[in-house]
Structure formats: C-alpha cells, structure tokens
Amino acid sequence: MHLHEVLRRPLITEKATSLKEKDKYAFEVARKATESQIKEAVELAFKVKVNKVNVMTVPGKTRKFGRRQVTGSPWKKAVVTLAPGHKITFFEGV
C-alpha cells in the first residue's frame, strides 16, 4: 500500500478537537493500513515526529429506511500521539 493511500481524511469532531490539547490527532485511515504505515505516512505528510499510534475499527451504523434496516460499512480510525513540541498546523483554528 502506498503511503498516500493510507490517510483518508482528518477527523474533526468535538472529541478529536479536545485531544489536540494533548498532542493527539485523529484520522480516518485505510482498512488495511498497519500502525507502522500510519506512523510513516503522518511523519512524511506533516513533517513531525510520531510517538504512538492507536488504531480502532469503528463498526458501521444501523439505519432504518422504511421497513428495511441498512448497516453502513465499518471504517478504521487512528489516533496519533506526537512527540512533545511537535504540532500539525493543518488542525490549527478548528
């Protein structure tokens, strides 16, 4: 998997914004991405030093359309902890 395919999009939610104070940033990543690939992709894309990567699979939501129940597809989320003194300026002002 190429590194530019690993990071899908940044997650800008209330919880992810509060994690920013602890030098942690959240991203939606490819389902097949590993922690080492995520670490390398963030370091190359944002020119920062990554200390730790936590990965979790978020299950798809179940929604009702009339009598039918539809389940969305699951996706993978990564919370990246940066080394002290490093910041991703992409998230500033959010």
PDB file of N, CA and C in Angstrom:
ATOM      1  N   MET A   1       0.845  -1.177   0.000  1.00  0.00           N
ATOM      2  CA  MET A   1       0.000   0.000   0.000  1.00  0.00           C
ATOM      3  C   MET A   1       0.895   1.246   0.000  1.00  0.00           C
ATOM      4  N   HIS A   2       0.611   2.189  -0.892  1.00  0.00           N
ATOM      5  CA  HIS A   2       1.381   3.424  -0.957  1.00  0.00           C
ATOM      6  C   HIS A   2       1.003   4.332   0.208  1.00  0.00           C
ATOM      7  N   LEU A   3       1.952   5.143   0.642  1.00  0.00           N
ATOM      8  CA  LEU A   3       1.720   5.984   1.818  1.00  0.00           C
ATOM      9  C   LEU A   3       0.632   7.030   1.591  1.00  0.00           C
ATOM     10  N   HIS A   4       0.463   7.490   0.344  1.00  0.00           N
ATOM     11  CA  HIS A   4      -0.579   8.489   0.108  1.00  0.00           C
ATOM     12  C   HIS A   4      -1.980   7.880   0.125  1.00  0.00           C
ATOM     13  N   GLU A   5      -2.077   6.559   0.140  1.00  0.00           N
ATOM     14  CA  GLU A   5      -3.370   5.882   0.239  1.00  0.00           C
ATOM     15  C   GLU A   5      -3.761   5.568   1.678  1.00  0.00           C
ATOM     16  N   VAL A   6      -2.824   5.708   2.604  1.00  0.00           N
ATOM     17  CA  VAL A   6      -3.059   5.309   3.996  1.00  0.00           C
ATOM     18  C   VAL A   6      -4.003   6.282   4.692  1.00  0.00           C
ATOM     19  N   LEU A   7      -3.721   7.575   4.643  1.00  0.00           N
ATOM     20  CA  LEU A   7      -4.541   8.575   5.316  1.00  0.00           C
ATOM     21  C   LEU A   7      -5.707   8.964   4.414  1.00  0.00           C
ATOM     22  N   ARG A   8      -6.922   8.777   4.898  1.00  0.00           N
ATOM     23  CA  ARG A   8      -8.103   9.128   4.112  1.00  0.00           C
ATOM     24  C   ARG A   8      -8.495  10.584   4.351  1.00  0.00           C
ATOM     25  N   ARG A   9      -8.731  10.935   5.632  1.00  0.00           N
ATOM     26  CA  ARG A   9      -9.127  12.307   5.965  1.00  0.00           C
ATOM     27  C   ARG A   9      -8.908  12.535   7.458  1.00  0.00           C
ATOM     28  N   PRO A  10      -8.717  13.783   7.854  1.00  0.00           N
ATOM     29  CA  PRO A  10      -8.641  14.074   9.287  1.00  0.00           C
ATOM     30  C   PRO A  10     -10.039  14.047   9.891  1.00  0.00           C
ATOM     31  N   LEU A  11     -10.124  13.654  11.147  1.00  0.00           N
ATOM     32  CA  LEU A  11     -11.413  13.651  11.838  1.00  0.00           C
ATOM     33  C   LEU A  11     -11.515  14.925  12.666  1.00  0.00           C
ATOM     34  N   ILE A  12     -12.490  15.737  12.348  1.00  0.00           N
ATOM     35  CA  ILE A  12     -12.682  16.992  13.070  1.00  0.00           C
ATOM     36  C   ILE A  12     -14.010  16.875  13.808  1.00  0.00           C
ATOM     37  N   THR A  13     -13.936  16.277  14.984  1.00  0.00           N
ATOM     38  CA  THR A  13     -15.097  16.112  15.845  1.00  0.00           C
ATOM     39  C   THR A  13     -14.797  16.806  17.170  1.00  0.00           C
ATOM     40  N   GLU A  14     -15.800  16.876  18.023  1.00  0.00           N
ATOM     41  CA  GLU A  14     -15.606  17.520  19.318  1.00  0.00           C
ATOM     42  C   GLU A  14     -14.565  16.765  20.153  1.00  0.00           C
ATOM     43  N   LYS A  15     -14.623  15.459  20.127  1.00  0.00           N
ATOM     44  CA  LYS A  15     -13.672  14.660  20.902  1.00  0.00           C
ATOM     45  C   LYS A  15     -12.267  14.774  20.318  1.00  0.00           C
ATOM     46  N   ALA A  16     -12.142  14.729  18.995  1.00  0.00           N
ATOM     47  CA  ALA A  16     -10.828  14.834  18.355  1.00  0.00           C
ATOM     48  C   ALA A  16     -10.223  16.213  18.585  1.00  0.00           C
ATOM     49  N   THR A  17     -11.057  17.242  18.618  1.00  0.00           N
ATOM     50  CA  THR A  17     -10.560  18.591  18.875  1.00  0.00           C
ATOM     51  C   THR A  17     -10.057  18.729  20.309  1.00  0.00           C
ATOM     52  N   SER A  18     -10.714  18.069  21.256  1.00  0.00           N
ATOM     53  CA  SER A  18     -10.247  18.131  22.643  1.00  0.00           C
ATOM     54  C   SER A  18      -8.955  17.339  22.831  1.00  0.00           C
ATOM     55  N   LEU A  19      -8.722  16.315  22.015  1.00  0.00           N
ATOM     56  CA  LEU A  19      -7.476  15.546  22.095  1.00  0.00           C
ATOM     57  C   LEU A  19      -6.282  16.358  21.604  1.00  0.00           C
ATOM     58  N   LYS A  20      -6.530  17.377  20.805  1.00  0.00           N
ATOM     59  CA  LYS A  20      -5.463  18.191  20.245  1.00  0.00           C
ATOM     60  C   LYS A  20      -4.627  18.854  21.346  1.00  0.00           C
ATOM     61  N   GLU A  21      -5.239  19.137  22.479  1.00  0.00           N
ATOM     62  CA  GLU A  21      -4.515  19.747  23.601  1.00  0.00           C
ATOM     63  C   GLU A  21      -3.452  18.810  24.164  1.00  0.00           C
ATOM     64  N   LYS A  22      -3.627  17.509  23.970  1.00  0.00           N
ATOM     65  CA  LYS A  22      -2.669  16.512  24.451  1.00  0.00           C
ATOM     66  C   LYS A  22      -1.724  16.054  23.347  1.00  0.00           C
ATOM     67  N   ASP A  23      -1.632  16.827  22.268  1.00  0.00           N
ATOM     68  CA  ASP A  23      -0.799  16.497  21.098  1.00  0.00           C
ATOM     69  C   ASP A  23      -1.222  15.183  20.461  1.00  0.00           C
ATOM     70  N   LYS A  24      -2.540  14.940  20.407  1.00  0.00           N
ATOM     71  CA  LYS A  24      -3.084  13.757  19.750  1.00  0.00           C
ATOM     72  C   LYS A  24      -3.991  14.212  18.616  1.00  0.00           C
ATOM     73  N   TYR A  25      -3.897  13.527  17.485  1.00  0.00           N
ATOM     74  CA  TYR A  25      -4.677  13.879  16.306  1.00  0.00           C
ATOM     75  C   TYR A  25      -5.339  12.624  15.760  1.00  0.00           C
ATOM     76  N   ALA A  26      -6.577  12.758  15.258  1.00  0.00           N
ATOM     77  CA  ALA A  26      -7.349  11.608  14.779  1.00  0.00           C
ATOM     78  C   ALA A  26      -7.494  11.668  13.258  1.00  0.00           C
ATOM     79  N   PHE A  27      -7.389  10.503  12.623  1.00  0.00           N
ATOM     80  CA  PHE A  27      -7.513  10.378  11.179  1.00  0.00           C
ATOM     81  C   PHE A  27      -8.357   9.165  10.840  1.00  0.00           C
ATOM     82  N   GLU A  28      -9.090   9.250   9.732  1.00  0.00           N
ATOM     83  CA  GLU A  28      -9.682   8.058   9.143  1.00  0.00           C
ATOM     84  C   GLU A  28      -8.627   7.486   8.218  1.00  0.00           C
ATOM     85  N   VAL A  29      -8.364   6.197   8.345  1.00  0.00           N
ATOM     86  CA  VAL A  29      -7.292   5.565   7.565  1.00  0.00           C
ATOM     87  C   VAL A  29      -7.860   4.390   6.775  1.00  0.00           C
ATOM     88  N   ALA A  30      -7.062   3.865   5.863  1.00  0.00           N
ATOM     89  CA  ALA A  30      -7.462   2.723   5.054  1.00  0.00           C
ATOM     90  C   ALA A  30      -7.655   1.499   5.943  1.00  0.00           C
ATOM     91  N   ARG A  31      -8.590   0.632   5.574  1.00  0.00           N
ATOM     92  CA  ARG A  31      -8.907  -0.544   6.391  1.00  0.00           C
ATOM     93  C   ARG A  31      -7.727  -1.489   6.529  1.00  0.00           C
ATOM     94  N   LYS A  32      -6.862  -1.562   5.521  1.00  0.00           N
ATOM     95  CA  LYS A  32      -5.735  -2.495   5.561  1.00  0.00           C
ATOM     96  C   LYS A  32      -4.453  -1.865   6.089  1.00  0.00           C
ATOM     97  N   ALA A  33      -4.496  -0.618   6.516  1.00  0.00           N
ATOM     98  CA  ALA A  33      -3.295   0.076   6.980  1.00  0.00           C
ATOM     99  C   ALA A  33      -2.859  -0.451   8.347  1.00  0.00           C
ATOM    100  N   THR A  34      -1.544  -0.583   8.532  1.00  0.00           N
ATOM    101  CA  THR A  34      -0.992  -1.014   9.816  1.00  0.00           C
ATOM    102  C   THR A  34      -0.500   0.206  10.591  1.00  0.00           C
ATOM    103  N   GLU A  35      -0.178  -0.008  11.874  1.00  0.00           N
ATOM    104  CA  GLU A  35       0.286   1.107  12.699  1.00  0.00           C
ATOM    105  C   GLU A  35       1.586   1.701  12.160  1.00  0.00           C
ATOM    106  N   SER A  36       2.493   0.867  11.705  1.00  0.00           N
ATOM    107  CA  SER A  36       3.757   1.384  11.190  1.00  0.00           C
ATOM    108  C   SER A  36       3.561   2.177   9.900  1.00  0.00           C
ATOM    109  N   GLN A  37       2.635   1.748   9.046  1.00  0.00           N
ATOM    110  CA  GLN A  37       2.345   2.505   7.830  1.00  0.00           C
ATOM    111  C   GLN A  37       1.709   3.850   8.151  1.00  0.00           C
ATOM    112  N   ILE A  38       0.824   3.880   9.136  1.00  0.00           N
ATOM    113  CA  ILE A  38       0.180   5.125   9.544  1.00  0.00           C
ATOM    114  C   ILE A  38       1.210   6.091  10.115  1.00  0.00           C
ATOM    115  N   LYS A  39       2.107   5.567  10.954  1.00  0.00           N
ATOM    116  CA  LYS A  39       3.155   6.399  11.546  1.00  0.00           C
ATOM    117  C   LYS A  39       4.024   7.021  10.457  1.00  0.00           C
ATOM    118  N   GLU A  40       4.448   6.224   9.503  1.00  0.00           N
ATOM    119  CA  GLU A  40       5.304   6.711   8.427  1.00  0.00           C
ATOM    120  C   GLU A  40       4.581   7.736   7.551  1.00  0.00           C
ATOM    121  N   ALA A  41       3.292   7.496   7.281  1.00  0.00           N
ATOM    122  CA  ALA A  41       2.518   8.414   6.446  1.00  0.00           C
ATOM    123  C   ALA A  41       2.340   9.776   7.118  1.00  0.00           C
ATOM    124  N   VAL A  42       2.061   9.788   8.427  1.00  0.00           N
ATOM    125  CA  VAL A  42       1.882  11.054   9.143  1.00  0.00           C
ATOM    126  C   VAL A  42       3.205  11.805   9.223  1.00  0.00           C
ATOM    127  N   GLU A  43       4.297  11.086   9.487  1.00  0.00           N
ATOM    128  CA  GLU A  43       5.601  11.746   9.571  1.00  0.00           C
ATOM    129  C   GLU A  43       6.002  12.367   8.238  1.00  0.00           C
ATOM    130  N   LEU A  44       5.729  11.684   7.135  1.00  0.00           N
ATOM    131  CA  LEU A  44       6.078  12.231   5.825  1.00  0.00           C
ATOM    132  C   LEU A  44       5.144  13.362   5.398  1.00  0.00           C
ATOM    133  N   ALA A  45       3.857  13.228   5.665  1.00  0.00           N
ATOM    134  CA  ALA A  45       2.885  14.225   5.208  1.00  0.00           C
ATOM    135  C   ALA A  45       2.989  15.537   5.972  1.00  0.00           C
ATOM    136  N   PHE A  46       3.233  15.467   7.285  1.00  0.00           N
ATOM    137  CA  PHE A  46       3.197  16.672   8.108  1.00  0.00           C
ATOM    138  C   PHE A  46       4.554  17.058   8.691  1.00  0.00           C
ATOM    139  N   LYS A  47       5.616  16.291   8.418  1.00  0.00           N
ATOM    140  CA  LYS A  47       6.979  16.588   8.881  1.00  0.00           C
ATOM    141  C   LYS A  47       7.036  16.734  10.408  1.00  0.00           C
ATOM    142  N   VAL A  48       6.505  15.724  11.102  1.00  0.00           N
ATOM    143  CA  VAL A  48       6.506  15.700  12.567  1.00  0.00           C
ATOM    144  C   VAL A  48       7.051  14.357  13.038  1.00  0.00           C
ATOM    145  N   LYS A  49       7.305  14.246  14.348  1.00  0.00           N
ATOM    146  CA  LYS A  49       7.779  13.000  14.964  1.00  0.00           C
ATOM    147  C   LYS A  49       6.618  12.372  15.714  1.00  0.00           C
ATOM    148  N   VAL A  50       6.298  11.122  15.381  1.00  0.00           N
ATOM    149  CA  VAL A  50       5.178  10.399  15.992  1.00  0.00           C
ATOM    150  C   VAL A  50       5.713   9.469  17.073  1.00  0.00           C
ATOM    151  N   ASN A  51       5.111   9.567  18.279  1.00  0.00           N
ATOM    152  CA  ASN A  51       5.498   8.685  19.378  1.00  0.00           C
ATOM    153  C   ASN A  51       4.686   7.395  19.387  1.00  0.00           C
ATOM    154  N   LYS A  52       3.375   7.496  19.137  1.00  0.00           N
ATOM    155  CA  LYS A  52       2.497   6.357  19.333  1.00  0.00           C
ATOM    156  C   LYS A  52       1.312   6.442  18.368  1.00  0.00           C
ATOM    157  N   VAL A  53       0.821   5.281  17.954  1.00  0.00           N
ATOM    158  CA  VAL A  53      -0.362   5.207  17.093  1.00  0.00           C
ATOM    159  C   VAL A  53      -1.335   4.195  17.695  1.00  0.00           C
ATOM    160  N   ASN A  54      -2.558   4.638  17.948  1.00  0.00           N
ATOM    161  CA  ASN A  54      -3.622   3.746  18.412  1.00  0.00           C
ATOM    162  C   ASN A  54      -4.629   3.595  17.282  1.00  0.00           C
ATOM    163  N   VAL A  55      -4.994   2.356  16.967  1.00  0.00           N
ATOM    164  CA  VAL A  55      -5.891   2.081  15.844  1.00  0.00           C
ATOM    165  C   VAL A  55      -7.117   1.343  16.353  1.00  0.00           C
ATOM    166  N   MET A  56      -8.289   1.725  15.839  1.00  0.00           N
ATOM    167  CA  MET A  56      -9.521   1.032  16.196  1.00  0.00           C
ATOM    168  C   MET A  56     -10.430   0.938  14.973  1.00  0.00           C
ATOM    169  N   THR A  57     -11.201  -0.110  14.902  1.00  0.00           N
ATOM    170  CA  THR A  57     -12.173  -0.274  13.832  1.00  0.00           C
ATOM    171  C   THR A  57     -13.532   0.146  14.364  1.00  0.00           C
ATOM    172  N   VAL A  58     -14.149   1.109  13.696  1.00  0.00           N
ATOM    173  CA  VAL A  58     -15.447   1.638  14.101  1.00  0.00           C
ATOM    174  C   VAL A  58     -16.513   0.881  13.318  1.00  0.00           C
ATOM    175  N   PRO A  59     -17.457   0.236  14.011  1.00  0.00           N
ATOM    176  CA  PRO A  59     -18.490  -0.511  13.285  1.00  0.00           C
ATOM    177  C   PRO A  59     -19.443   0.437  12.556  1.00  0.00           C
ATOM    178  N   GLY A  60     -20.039  -0.052  11.479  1.00  0.00           N
ATOM    179  CA  GLY A  60     -20.988   0.755  10.716  1.00  0.00           C
ATOM    180  C   GLY A  60     -22.279   0.956  11.487  1.00  0.00           C
ATOM    181  N   LYS A  61     -22.929   2.085  11.261  1.00  0.00           N
ATOM    182  CA  LYS A  61     -24.188   2.379  11.936  1.00  0.00           C
ATOM    183  C   LYS A  61     -25.335   1.653  11.254  1.00  0.00           C
ATOM    184  N   THR A  62     -26.311   1.256  12.046  1.00  0.00           N
ATOM    185  CA  THR A  62     -27.515   0.648  11.509  1.00  0.00           C
ATOM    186  C   THR A  62     -28.582   1.735  11.403  1.00  0.00           C
ATOM    187  N   ARG A  63     -29.156   1.867  10.217  1.00  0.00           N
ATOM    188  CA  ARG A  63     -30.181   2.884   9.987  1.00  0.00           C
ATOM    189  C   ARG A  63     -31.419   2.212   9.419  1.00  0.00           C
ATOM    190  N   LYS A  64     -32.572   2.862   9.622  1.00  0.00           N
ATOM    191  CA  LYS A  64     -33.818   2.329   9.098  1.00  0.00           C
ATOM    192  C   LYS A  64     -34.278   3.172   7.915  1.00  0.00           C
ATOM    193  N   PHE A  65     -34.664   2.481   6.847  1.00  0.00           N
ATOM    194  CA  PHE A  65     -35.277   3.101   5.684  1.00  0.00           C
ATOM    195  C   PHE A  65     -36.623   2.393   5.487  1.00  0.00           C
ATOM    196  N   GLY A  66     -37.675   2.983   6.027  1.00  0.00           N
ATOM    197  CA  GLY A  66     -38.979   2.319   5.979  1.00  0.00           C
ATOM    198  C   GLY A  66     -38.943   1.076   6.833  1.00  0.00           C
ATOM    199  N   ARG A  67     -39.211  -0.076   6.216  1.00  0.00           N
ATOM    200  CA  ARG A  67     -39.173  -1.341   6.957  1.00  0.00           C
ATOM    201  C   ARG A  67     -37.803  -1.986   6.916  1.00  0.00           C
ATOM    202  N   ARG A  68     -36.925  -1.446   6.119  1.00  0.00           N
ATOM    203  CA  ARG A  68     -35.606  -2.051   5.931  1.00  0.00           C
ATOM    204  C   ARG A  68     -34.580  -1.510   6.930  1.00  0.00           C
ATOM    205  N   GLN A  69     -33.693  -2.370   7.365  1.00  0.00           N
ATOM    206  CA  GLN A  69     -32.553  -1.943   8.171  1.00  0.00           C
ATOM    207  C   GLN A  69     -31.307  -2.077   7.329  1.00  0.00           C
ATOM    208  N   VAL A  70     -30.519  -0.995   7.269  1.00  0.00           N
ATOM    209  CA  VAL A  70     -29.309  -0.977   6.464  1.00  0.00           C
ATOM    210  C   VAL A  70     -28.134  -0.702   7.378  1.00  0.00           C
ATOM    211  N   THR A  71     -27.067  -1.480   7.216  1.00  0.00           N
ATOM    212  CA  THR A  71     -25.869  -1.281   8.014  1.00  0.00           C
ATOM    213  C   THR A  71     -24.797  -0.642   7.152  1.00  0.00           C
ATOM    214  N   GLY A  72     -24.229   0.463   7.642  1.00  0.00           N
ATOM    215  CA  GLY A  72     -23.144   1.119   6.931  1.00  0.00           C
ATOM    216  C   GLY A  72     -21.869   0.313   7.042  1.00  0.00           C
ATOM    217  N   SER A  73     -20.924   0.626   6.205  1.00  0.00           N
ATOM    218  CA  SER A  73     -19.683  -0.141   6.229  1.00  0.00           C
ATOM    219  C   SER A  73     -18.784   0.332   7.367  1.00  0.00           C
ATOM    220  N   PRO A  74     -18.086  -0.593   8.016  1.00  0.00           N
ATOM    221  CA  PRO A  74     -17.157  -0.204   9.085  1.00  0.00           C
ATOM    222  C   PRO A  74     -15.951   0.531   8.515  1.00  0.00           C
ATOM    223  N   TRP A  75     -15.286   1.325   9.356  1.00  0.00           N
ATOM    224  CA  TRP A  75     -14.110   2.080   8.941  1.00  0.00           C
ATOM    225  C   TRP A  75     -13.086   2.075  10.058  1.00  0.00           C
ATOM    226  N   LYS A  76     -11.873   2.462   9.726  1.00  0.00           N
ATOM    227  CA  LYS A  76     -10.762   2.390  10.672  1.00  0.00           C
ATOM    228  C   LYS A  76     -10.340   3.800  11.078  1.00  0.00           C
ATOM    229  N   LYS A  77     -10.120   3.971  12.377  1.00  0.00           N
ATOM    230  CA  LYS A  77      -9.730   5.265  12.928  1.00  0.00           C
ATOM    231  C   LYS A  77      -8.375   5.123  13.613  1.00  0.00           C
ATOM    232  N   ALA A  78      -7.515   6.127  13.447  1.00  0.00           N
ATOM    233  CA  ALA A  78      -6.209   6.123  14.090  1.00  0.00           C
ATOM    234  C   ALA A  78      -6.054   7.400  14.902  1.00  0.00           C
ATOM    235  N   VAL A  79      -5.603   7.251  16.146  1.00  0.00           N
ATOM    236  CA  VAL A  79      -5.270   8.392  16.998  1.00  0.00           C
ATOM    237  C   VAL A  79      -3.756   8.409  17.124  1.00  0.00           C
ATOM    238  N   VAL A  80      -3.144   9.485  16.650  1.00  0.00           N
ATOM    239  CA  VAL A  80      -1.689   9.604  16.561  1.00  0.00           C
ATOM    240  C   VAL A  80      -1.210  10.550  17.655  1.00  0.00           C
ATOM    241  N   THR A  81      -0.259  10.090  18.486  1.00  0.00           N
ATOM    242  CA  THR A  81       0.339  10.919  19.527  1.00  0.00           C
ATOM    243  C   THR A  81       1.687  11.413  19.025  1.00  0.00           C
ATOM    244  N   LEU A  82       1.870  12.728  19.056  1.00  0.00           N
ATOM    245  CA  LEU A  82       3.115  13.336  18.579  1.00  0.00           C
ATOM    246  C   LEU A  82       4.098  13.525  19.718  1.00  0.00           C
ATOM    247  N   ALA A  83       5.364  13.663  19.354  1.00  0.00           N
ATOM    248  CA  ALA A  83       6.411  13.945  20.332  1.00  0.00           C
ATOM    249  C   ALA A  83       6.204  15.341  20.888  1.00  0.00           C
ATOM    250  N   PRO A  84       6.651  15.610  22.124  1.00  0.00           N
ATOM    251  CA  PRO A  84       6.495  16.948  22.702  1.00  0.00           C
ATOM    252  C   PRO A  84       7.158  18.007  21.810  1.00  0.00           C
ATOM    253  N   GLY A  85       6.447  19.119  21.631  1.00  0.00           N
ATOM    254  CA  GLY A  85       6.968  20.212  20.825  1.00  0.00           C
ATOM    255  C   GLY A  85       6.560  20.148  19.358  1.00  0.00           C
ATOM    256  N   HIS A  86       5.983  19.034  18.921  1.00  0.00           N
ATOM    257  CA  HIS A  86       5.553  18.907  17.530  1.00  0.00           C
ATOM    258  C   HIS A  86       4.048  19.181  17.439  1.00  0.00           C
ATOM    259  N   LYS A  87       3.637  19.879  16.386  1.00  0.00           N
ATOM    260  CA  LYS A  87       2.223  20.186  16.165  1.00  0.00           C
ATOM    261  C   LYS A  87       1.932  20.055  14.682  1.00  0.00           C
ATOM    262  N   ILE A  88       0.697  19.726  14.353  1.00  0.00           N
ATOM    263  CA  ILE A  88       0.251  19.706  12.970  1.00  0.00           C
ATOM    264  C   ILE A  88      -0.536  20.992  12.747  1.00  0.00           C
ATOM    265  N   THR A  89      -0.014  21.879  11.921  1.00  0.00           N
ATOM    266  CA  THR A  89      -0.633  23.184  11.727  1.00  0.00           C
ATOM    267  C   THR A  89      -1.923  23.091  10.919  1.00  0.00           C
ATOM    268  N   PHE A  90      -2.154  21.970  10.252  1.00  0.00           N
ATOM    269  CA  PHE A  90      -3.374  21.752   9.485  1.00  0.00           C
ATOM    270  C   PHE A  90      -4.615  21.870  10.368  1.00  0.00           C
ATOM    271  N   PHE A  91      -4.503  21.489  11.654  1.00  0.00           N
ATOM    272  CA  PHE A  91      -5.632  21.468  12.584  1.00  0.00           C
ATOM    273  C   PHE A  91      -5.798  22.773  13.339  1.00  0.00           C
ATOM    274  N   GLU A  92      -4.885  23.726  13.203  1.00  0.00           N
ATOM    275  CA  GLU A  92      -4.966  24.964  13.962  1.00  0.00           C
ATOM    276  C   GLU A  92      -6.175  25.774  13.508  1.00  0.00           C
ATOM    277  N   GLY A  93      -6.875  26.382  14.468  1.00  0.00           N
ATOM    278  CA  GLY A  93      -8.025  27.213  14.161  1.00  0.00           C
ATOM    279  C   GLY A  93      -9.321  26.439  13.968  1.00  0.00           C
ATOM    280  N   VAL A  94      -9.311  25.145  14.274  1.00  0.00           N
ATOM    281  CA  VAL A  94     -10.531  24.351  14.112  1.00  0.00           C
ATOM    282  C   VAL A  94     -11.268  24.315  15.417  1.00  0.00           C
TER     283      VAL A  94
END
